[in-house]
């Protein structure tokens, strides 16, 4: 909103813009930062039993 007012040559402080937005019921929409999900394993990994087998048996 502050940038929109600056385009109209109306320069106001941050606190005034915050108060006017609160009185008008206008809220900013914030986007959340994407956090890549991680996996944690509490047990030891099991061995790959298929790897040593020939391809015909798999």
C-alpha atoms as a PDB file:
ATOM      1  CA  UNK A   1       0.000   0.000   0.000  1.00  0.00           C
ATOM      2  CA  UNK A   2       2.897   2.308   0.727  1.00  0.00           C
ATOM      3  CA  UNK A   3       4.233   1.860  -2.817  1.00  0.00           C
ATOM      4  CA  UNK A   4       0.789   2.479  -4.285  1.00  0.00           C
ATOM      5  CA  UNK A   5       0.556   5.726  -2.335  1.00  0.00           C
ATOM      6  CA  UNK A   6       4.056   6.714  -3.466  1.00  0.00           C
ATOM      7  CA  UNK A   7       2.936   6.308  -7.097  1.00  0.00           C
ATOM      8  CA  UNK A   8       0.251   8.901  -6.360  1.00  0.00           C
ATOM      9  CA  UNK A   9       2.876  11.228  -4.797  1.00  0.00           C
ATOM     10  CA  UNK A  10       1.430  10.597  -1.342  1.00  0.00           C
ATOM     11  CA  UNK A  11       4.306   9.792   0.975  1.00  0.00           C
ATOM     12  CA  UNK A  12       3.434   8.484   4.425  1.00  0.00           C
ATOM     13  CA  UNK A  13       5.304   6.616   7.112  1.00  0.00           C
ATOM     14  CA  UNK A  14       5.088   2.904   7.734  1.00  0.00           C
ATOM     15  CA  UNK A  15       3.163   3.250  10.995  1.00  0.00           C
ATOM     16  CA  UNK A  16       0.535   5.499   9.414  1.00  0.00           C
ATOM     17  CA  UNK A  17       0.033   3.059   6.541  1.00  0.00           C
ATOM     18  CA  UNK A  18      -0.215   0.191   9.046  1.00  0.00           C
ATOM     19  CA  UNK A  19      -2.851   2.062  11.055  1.00  0.00           C
ATOM     20  CA  UNK A  20      -4.875   2.982   7.952  1.00  0.00           C
ATOM     21  CA  UNK A  21      -4.778  -0.620   6.712  1.00  0.00           C
ATOM     22  CA  UNK A  22      -5.907  -1.899  10.129  1.00  0.00           C
ATOM     23  CA  UNK A  23      -8.802   0.579  10.209  1.00  0.00           C
ATOM     24  CA  UNK A  24      -9.850  -0.383   6.674  1.00  0.00           C
ATOM     25  CA  UNK A  25      -9.564  -4.117   7.394  1.00  0.00           C
ATOM     26  CA  UNK A  26      -6.883  -4.633   4.752  1.00  0.00           C
ATOM     27  CA  UNK A  27      -4.354  -7.396   5.416  1.00  0.00           C
ATOM     28  CA  UNK A  28      -1.234  -8.314   3.503  1.00  0.00           C
ATOM     29  CA  UNK A  29      -0.941 -11.808   2.078  1.00  0.00           C
ATOM     30  CA  UNK A  30       2.323 -13.439   3.093  1.00  0.00           C
ATOM     31  CA  UNK A  31       3.632 -16.499   1.276  1.00  0.00           C
ATOM     32  CA  UNK A  32       5.405 -19.198   3.230  1.00  0.00           C
ATOM     33  CA  UNK A  33       8.878 -20.308   2.273  1.00  0.00           C
ATOM     34  CA  UNK A  34       8.990 -23.850   0.883  1.00  0.00           C
ATOM     35  CA  UNK A  35      10.806 -26.257   3.179  1.00  0.00           C
ATOM     36  CA  UNK A  36      11.961 -29.458   1.529  1.00  0.00           C
ATOM     37  CA  UNK A  37      10.750 -32.425   3.588  1.00  0.00           C
ATOM     38  CA  UNK A  38      13.461 -34.506   5.182  1.00  0.00           C
ATOM     39  CA  UNK A  39      13.402 -38.081   6.353  1.00  0.00           C
ATOM     40  CA  UNK A  40      15.046 -39.292   9.493  1.00  0.00           C
ATOM     41  CA  UNK A  41      15.672 -42.977  10.069  1.00  0.00           C
ATOM     42  CA  UNK A  42      16.039 -44.248  13.612  1.00  0.00           C
ATOM     43  CA  UNK A  43      17.058 -47.774  12.611  1.00  0.00           C
ATOM     44  CA  UNK A  44      19.969 -49.201  10.615  1.00  0.00           C
ATOM     45  CA  UNK A  45      19.411 -49.544   6.897  1.00  0.00           C
ATOM     46  CA  UNK A  46      18.644 -53.052   5.680  1.00  0.00           C
ATOM     47  CA  UNK A  47      20.972 -54.603   3.089  1.00  0.00           C
ATOM     48  CA  UNK A  48      19.899 -54.776  -0.556  1.00  0.00           C
ATOM     49  CA  UNK A  49      19.265 -58.498  -1.114  1.00  0.00           C
ATOM     50  CA  UNK A  50      18.244 -58.129  -4.775  1.00  0.00           C
ATOM     51  CA  UNK A  51      21.475 -56.566  -6.063  1.00  0.00           C
ATOM     52  CA  UNK A  52      23.659 -59.720  -6.139  1.00  0.00           C
ATOM     53  CA  UNK A  53      20.933 -61.800  -7.851  1.00  0.00           C
ATOM     54  CA  UNK A  54      21.115 -62.327 -11.644  1.00  0.00           C
ATOM     55  CA  UNK A  55      18.655 -60.278 -13.692  1.00  0.00           C
ATOM     56  CA  UNK A  56      16.720 -63.365 -14.846  1.00  0.00           C
ATOM     57  CA  UNK A  57      15.677 -64.232 -11.292  1.00  0.00           C
ATOM     58  CA  UNK A  58      14.623 -60.717 -10.427  1.00  0.00           C
END
